[in-house]
Amino acid sequence: MTRTLLVLGITLAAALPAKADITHKIQSSIQLQVDGAASQASRIGSTLSVSGSNVTLDTAPALGTLTAGSAVGYTPGAFSVTTAGDAFSYSESFIEGDNTPSATTVSSGVADLPMLGNTTTTSGGVAGNLAGSISSGSISLTAGGAGTTATGQVVTEITVD
């Protein structure tokens, strides 16, 4: 009886179909980026500041006349000590504001960018030899010039159910 059950079990096991689902996925990507030129500029105005003690202004400092296309300009003040022999102080400060905006020049395919009193300029990227390829799961990336980025990725997934 045991022998019969064994033979019957082997026969039934051999007769049942095998089930094995296999899924294989390959995903690949390359990203190549060349940064653009950029400029951030803030115009600075002219300022004049005067302070002192025990002084008399003989001629007051003055800002020049504002005309289109030119900076304001400045004429310093003249002073004399009010009470001779006593301590005195005099301070005069002038910051020249922006006149007609100048421009910065970048080297790669963009027009001149604005330049004012407070400016940050970034030159554009240069593609140069920037390249990338994927073949049979292998990545090949070639560096470009300044301001470039190359990123490659291959993801392989095998699922057995």
C-alpha atoms as a PDB file:
ATOM      1  CA  MET A   1       0.000   0.000   0.000  1.00  0.00           C
ATOM      2  CA  THR A   2       2.779   2.339   0.819  1.00  0.00           C
ATOM      3  CA  ARG A   3       4.380   1.502  -2.471  1.00  0.00           C
ATOM      4  CA  THR A   4       1.157   2.246  -4.312  1.00  0.00           C
ATOM      5  CA  LEU A   5       0.789   5.627  -2.608  1.00  0.00           C
ATOM      6  CA  LEU A   6       4.386   6.481  -3.449  1.00  0.00           C
ATOM      7  CA  VAL A   7       3.935   5.546  -7.123  1.00  0.00           C
ATOM      8  CA  LEU A   8       0.617   7.441  -7.224  1.00  0.00           C
ATOM      9  CA  GLY A   9       2.213  10.539  -5.609  1.00  0.00           C
ATOM     10  CA  ILE A  10       5.103  10.560  -8.073  1.00  0.00           C
ATOM     11  CA  THR A  11       2.717  10.124 -11.001  1.00  0.00           C
ATOM     12  CA  LEU A  12       0.487  12.981  -9.862  1.00  0.00           C
ATOM     13  CA  ALA A  13       3.468  15.236  -9.184  1.00  0.00           C
ATOM     14  CA  ALA A  14       4.856  14.573 -12.658  1.00  0.00           C
ATOM     15  CA  ALA A  15       1.456  15.249 -14.215  1.00  0.00           C
ATOM     16  CA  LEU A  16       0.987  18.697 -12.595  1.00  0.00           C
ATOM     17  CA  PRO A  17       2.182  21.598 -14.742  1.00  0.00           C
ATOM     18  CA  ALA A  18       5.012  23.753 -13.356  1.00  0.00           C
ATOM     19  CA  LYS A  19       4.228  27.433 -12.936  1.00  0.00           C
ATOM     20  CA  ALA A  20       7.048  29.996 -12.912  1.00  0.00           C
ATOM     21  CA  ASP A  21       6.450  33.592 -14.083  1.00  0.00           C
ATOM     22  CA  ILE A  22       9.668  35.509 -14.708  1.00  0.00           C
ATOM     23  CA  THR A  23       9.644  39.229 -15.480  1.00  0.00           C
ATOM     24  CA  HIS A  24      12.788  41.037 -16.569  1.00  0.00           C
ATOM     25  CA  LYS A  25      12.842  44.851 -16.930  1.00  0.00           C
ATOM     26  CA  ILE A  26      15.665  47.087 -18.038  1.00  0.00           C
ATOM     27  CA  GLN A  27      15.282  50.850 -17.819  1.00  0.00           C
ATOM     28  CA  SER A  28      18.006  53.228 -18.886  1.00  0.00           C
ATOM     29  CA  SER A  29      18.341  56.989 -19.102  1.00  0.00           C
ATOM     30  CA  ILE A  30      20.888  59.688 -19.783  1.00  0.00           C
ATOM     31  CA  GLN A  31      20.515  63.368 -18.975  1.00  0.00           C
ATOM     32  CA  LEU A  32      22.848  65.955 -20.515  1.00  0.00           C
ATOM     33  CA  GLN A  33      22.627  69.575 -19.321  1.00  0.00           C
ATOM     34  CA  VAL A  34      24.370  72.782 -20.356  1.00  0.00           C
ATOM     35  CA  ASP A  35      23.848  75.741 -17.991  1.00  0.00           C
ATOM     36  CA  GLY A  36      22.715  79.040 -19.505  1.00  0.00           C
ATOM     37  CA  ALA A  37      24.269  82.427 -18.874  1.00  0.00           C
ATOM     38  CA  ALA A  38      22.720  84.525 -16.119  1.00  0.00           C
ATOM     39  CA  SER A  39      23.074  87.966 -14.602  1.00  0.00           C
ATOM     40  CA  GLN A  40      21.475  89.520 -11.546  1.00  0.00           C
ATOM     41  CA  ALA A  41      21.993  93.275 -11.166  1.00  0.00           C
ATOM     42  CA  SER A  42      20.733  95.857  -8.662  1.00  0.00           C
ATOM     43  CA  ARG A  43      21.054  99.546  -9.379  1.00  0.00           C
ATOM     44  CA  ILE A  44      22.761 101.614  -6.654  1.00  0.00           C
ATOM     45  CA  GLY A  45      21.708 105.213  -6.039  1.00  0.00           C
ATOM     46  CA  SER A  46      23.999 108.088  -5.035  1.00  0.00           C
ATOM     47  CA  THR A  47      24.151 108.994  -1.341  1.00  0.00           C
ATOM     48  CA  LEU A  48      25.779 111.835   0.591  1.00  0.00           C
ATOM     49  CA  SER A  49      26.179 111.964   4.364  1.00  0.00           C
ATOM     50  CA  VAL A  50      27.733 114.727   6.515  1.00  0.00           C
ATOM     51  CA  SER A  51      28.152 114.929  10.291  1.00  0.00           C
ATOM     52  CA  GLY A  52      30.329 116.854  12.707  1.00  0.00           C
ATOM     53  CA  SER A  53      30.638 118.843  15.923  1.00  0.00           C
ATOM     54  CA  ASN A  54      32.249 122.199  16.635  1.00  0.00           C
ATOM     55  CA  VAL A  55      32.485 122.927  12.908  1.00  0.00           C
ATOM     56  CA  THR A  56      30.906 125.510  10.654  1.00  0.00           C
ATOM     57  CA  LEU A  57      30.254 124.676   7.049  1.00  0.00           C
ATOM     58  CA  ASP A  58      31.737 127.303   4.782  1.00  0.00           C
ATOM     59  CA  THR A  59      30.555 125.488   1.646  1.00  0.00           C
ATOM     60  CA  ALA A  60      28.092 122.613   1.922  1.00  0.00           C
ATOM     61  CA  PRO A  61      28.876 119.395   0.037  1.00  0.00           C
ATOM     62  CA  ALA A  62      26.527 118.806  -2.867  1.00  0.00           C
ATOM     63  CA  LEU A  63      25.401 116.210  -5.336  1.00  0.00           C
ATOM     64  CA  GLY A  64      25.671 117.210  -8.970  1.00  0.00           C
ATOM     65  CA  THR A  65      22.815 117.497 -11.413  1.00  0.00           C
ATOM     66  CA  LEU A  66      21.206 114.301 -12.575  1.00  0.00           C
ATOM     67  CA  THR A  67      21.198 114.031 -16.353  1.00  0.00           C
ATOM     68  CA  ALA A  68      20.285 111.067 -18.492  1.00  0.00           C
ATOM     69  CA  GLY A  69      23.269 108.908 -19.341  1.00  0.00           C
ATOM     70  CA  SER A  70      25.647 110.232 -16.684  1.00  0.00           C
ATOM     71  CA  ALA A  71      26.386 109.770 -13.002  1.00  0.00           C
ATOM     72  CA  VAL A  72      25.350 112.401 -10.466  1.00  0.00           C
ATOM     73  CA  GLY A  73      28.787 113.651  -9.430  1.00  0.00           C
ATOM     74  CA  TYR A  74      29.756 115.292  -6.130  1.00  0.00           C
ATOM     75  CA  THR A  75      31.343 118.465  -4.788  1.00  0.00           C
ATOM     76  CA  PRO A  76      33.009 118.111  -1.343  1.00  0.00           C
ATOM     77  CA  GLY A  77      32.222 120.585   1.422  1.00  0.00           C
ATOM     78  CA  ALA A  78      34.561 123.054   3.111  1.00  0.00           C
ATOM     79  CA  PHE A  79      34.449 123.733   6.867  1.00  0.00           C
ATOM     80  CA  SER A  80      36.151 125.703   9.624  1.00  0.00           C
ATOM     81  CA  VAL A  81      36.441 125.091  13.376  1.00  0.00           C
ATOM     82  CA  THR A  82      33.799 127.066  15.301  1.00  0.00           C
ATOM     83  CA  THR A  83      35.637 127.428  18.649  1.00  0.00           C
ATOM     84  CA  ALA A  84      39.398 127.390  18.223  1.00  0.00           C
ATOM     85  CA  GLY A  85      41.229 125.120  20.670  1.00  0.00           C
ATOM     86  CA  ASP A  86      38.187 122.904  21.370  1.00  0.00           C
ATOM     87  CA  ALA A  87      37.823 119.376  20.043  1.00  0.00           C
ATOM     88  CA  PHE A  88      36.027 119.032  16.733  1.00  0.00           C
ATOM     89  CA  SER A  89      34.973 116.322  14.326  1.00  0.00           C
ATOM     90  CA  TYR A  90      33.833 116.284  10.714  1.00  0.00           C
ATOM     91  CA  SER A  91      32.821 113.351   8.559  1.00  0.00           C
ATOM     92  CA  GLU A  92      31.684 113.356   4.946  1.00  0.00           C
ATOM     93  CA  SER A  93      30.749 110.257   2.959  1.00  0.00           C
ATOM     94  CA  PHE A  94      29.692 109.913  -0.682  1.00  0.00           C
ATOM     95  CA  ILE A  95      28.708 106.843  -2.713  1.00  0.00           C
ATOM     96  CA  GLU A  96      28.458 107.371  -6.462  1.00  0.00           C
ATOM     97  CA  GLY A  97      25.390 105.667  -7.904  1.00  0.00           C
ATOM     98  CA  ASP A  98      25.136 103.918 -11.227  1.00  0.00           C
ATOM     99  CA  ASN A  99      25.128 105.930 -14.404  1.00  0.00           C
ATOM    100  CA  THR A 100      24.050 104.464 -17.735  1.00  0.00           C
ATOM    101  CA  PRO A 101      24.284 100.709 -17.241  1.00  0.00           C
ATOM    102  CA  SER A 102      27.392  99.068 -18.523  1.00  0.00           C
ATOM    103  CA  ALA A 103      27.447  95.427 -19.568  1.00  0.00           C
ATOM    104  CA  THR A 104      29.434  92.290 -18.904  1.00  0.00           C
ATOM    105  CA  THR A 105      30.508  90.128 -21.801  1.00  0.00           C
ATOM    106  CA  VAL A 106      30.302  86.361 -21.648  1.00  0.00           C
ATOM    107  CA  SER A 107      32.141  84.085 -24.013  1.00  0.00           C
ATOM    108  CA  SER A 108      29.543  81.669 -25.276  1.00  0.00           C
ATOM    109  CA  GLY A 109      26.684  82.594 -27.547  1.00  0.00           C
ATOM    110  CA  VAL A 110      24.789  85.166 -25.472  1.00  0.00           C
ATOM    111  CA  ALA A 111      24.467  88.922 -25.706  1.00  0.00           C
ATOM    112  CA  ASP A 112      26.046  91.250 -23.166  1.00  0.00           C
ATOM    113  CA  LEU A 113      24.421  91.066 -19.720  1.00  0.00           C
ATOM    114  CA  PRO A 114      23.578  94.113 -17.551  1.00  0.00           C
ATOM    115  CA  MET A 115      26.118  95.306 -15.003  1.00  0.00           C
ATOM    116  CA  LEU A 116      25.237  97.753 -12.237  1.00  0.00           C
ATOM    117  CA  GLY A 117      26.625  98.597  -8.786  1.00  0.00           C
ATOM    118  CA  ASN A 118      25.790  95.167  -7.357  1.00  0.00           C
ATOM    119  CA  THR A 119      26.097  92.435  -9.997  1.00  0.00           C
ATOM    120  CA  THR A 120      26.531  88.662 -10.093  1.00  0.00           C
ATOM    121  CA  THR A 121      27.217  87.253 -13.564  1.00  0.00           C
ATOM    122  CA  THR A 122      27.562  83.592 -14.491  1.00  0.00           C
ATOM    123  CA  SER A 123      28.940  82.689 -17.874  1.00  0.00           C
ATOM    124  CA  GLY A 124      27.014  80.139 -19.914  1.00  0.00           C
ATOM    125  CA  GLY A 125      28.077  76.518 -20.106  1.00  0.00           C
ATOM    126  CA  VAL A 126      30.057  75.223 -23.067  1.00  0.00           C
ATOM    127  CA  ALA A 127      28.868  71.859 -24.423  1.00  0.00           C
ATOM    128  CA  GLY A 128      32.295  71.005 -25.848  1.00  0.00           C
ATOM    129  CA  ASN A 129      32.486  67.189 -26.112  1.00  0.00           C
ATOM    130  CA  LEU A 130      29.452  66.578 -23.868  1.00  0.00           C
ATOM    131  CA  ALA A 131      27.896  63.258 -24.923  1.00  0.00           C
ATOM    132  CA  GLY A 132      26.306  60.101 -23.576  1.00  0.00           C
ATOM    133  CA  SER A 133      25.174  56.704 -24.794  1.00  0.00           C
ATOM    134  CA  ILE A 134      23.808  53.418 -23.417  1.00  0.00           C
ATOM    135  CA  SER A 135      24.448  50.076 -25.088  1.00  0.00           C
ATOM    136  CA  SER A 136      23.657  46.644 -23.636  1.00  0.00           C
ATOM    137  CA  GLY A 137      23.368  48.054 -20.122  1.00  0.00           C
ATOM    138  CA  SER A 138      26.700  49.848 -20.307  1.00  0.00           C
ATOM    139  CA  ILE A 139      26.861  53.646 -19.965  1.00  0.00           C
ATOM    140  CA  SER A 140      29.322  55.912 -21.741  1.00  0.00           C
ATOM    141  CA  LEU A 141      29.475  59.577 -20.656  1.00  0.00           C
ATOM    142  CA  THR A 142      31.866  62.169 -22.062  1.00  0.00           C
ATOM    143  CA  ALA A 143      32.576  65.306 -20.033  1.00  0.00           C
ATOM    144  CA  GLY A 144      31.742  68.637 -21.614  1.00  0.00           C
ATOM    145  CA  GLY A 145      33.128  72.086 -20.901  1.00  0.00           C
ATOM    146  CA  ALA A 146      32.424  74.388 -17.960  1.00  0.00           C
ATOM    147  CA  GLY A 147      28.823  74.523 -16.740  1.00  0.00           C
ATOM    148  CA  THR A 148      27.816  71.063 -18.006  1.00  0.00           C
ATOM    149  CA  THR A 149      26.383  67.991 -16.267  1.00  0.00           C
ATOM    150  CA  ALA A 150      26.058  64.410 -17.540  1.00  0.00           C
ATOM    151  CA  THR A 151      24.085  61.773 -15.609  1.00  0.00           C
ATOM    152  CA  GLY A 152      23.477  58.171 -16.684  1.00  0.00           C
ATOM    153  CA  GLN A 153      21.493  55.371 -15.081  1.00  0.00           C
ATOM    154  CA  VAL A 154      20.634  51.731 -15.845  1.00  0.00           C
ATOM    155  CA  VAL A 155      18.149  49.862 -13.622  1.00  0.00           C
ATOM    156  CA  THR A 156      17.747  46.092 -14.063  1.00  0.00           C
ATOM    157  CA  GLU A 157      14.895  44.266 -12.287  1.00  0.00           C
ATOM    158  CA  ILE A 158      14.131  40.528 -12.256  1.00  0.00           C
ATOM    159  CA  THR A 159      10.949  39.239 -10.611  1.00  0.00           C
ATOM    160  CA  VAL A 160      10.167  35.535 -10.173  1.00  0.00           C
ATOM    161  CA  ASP A 161       6.624  34.551  -9.110  1.00  0.00           C
END
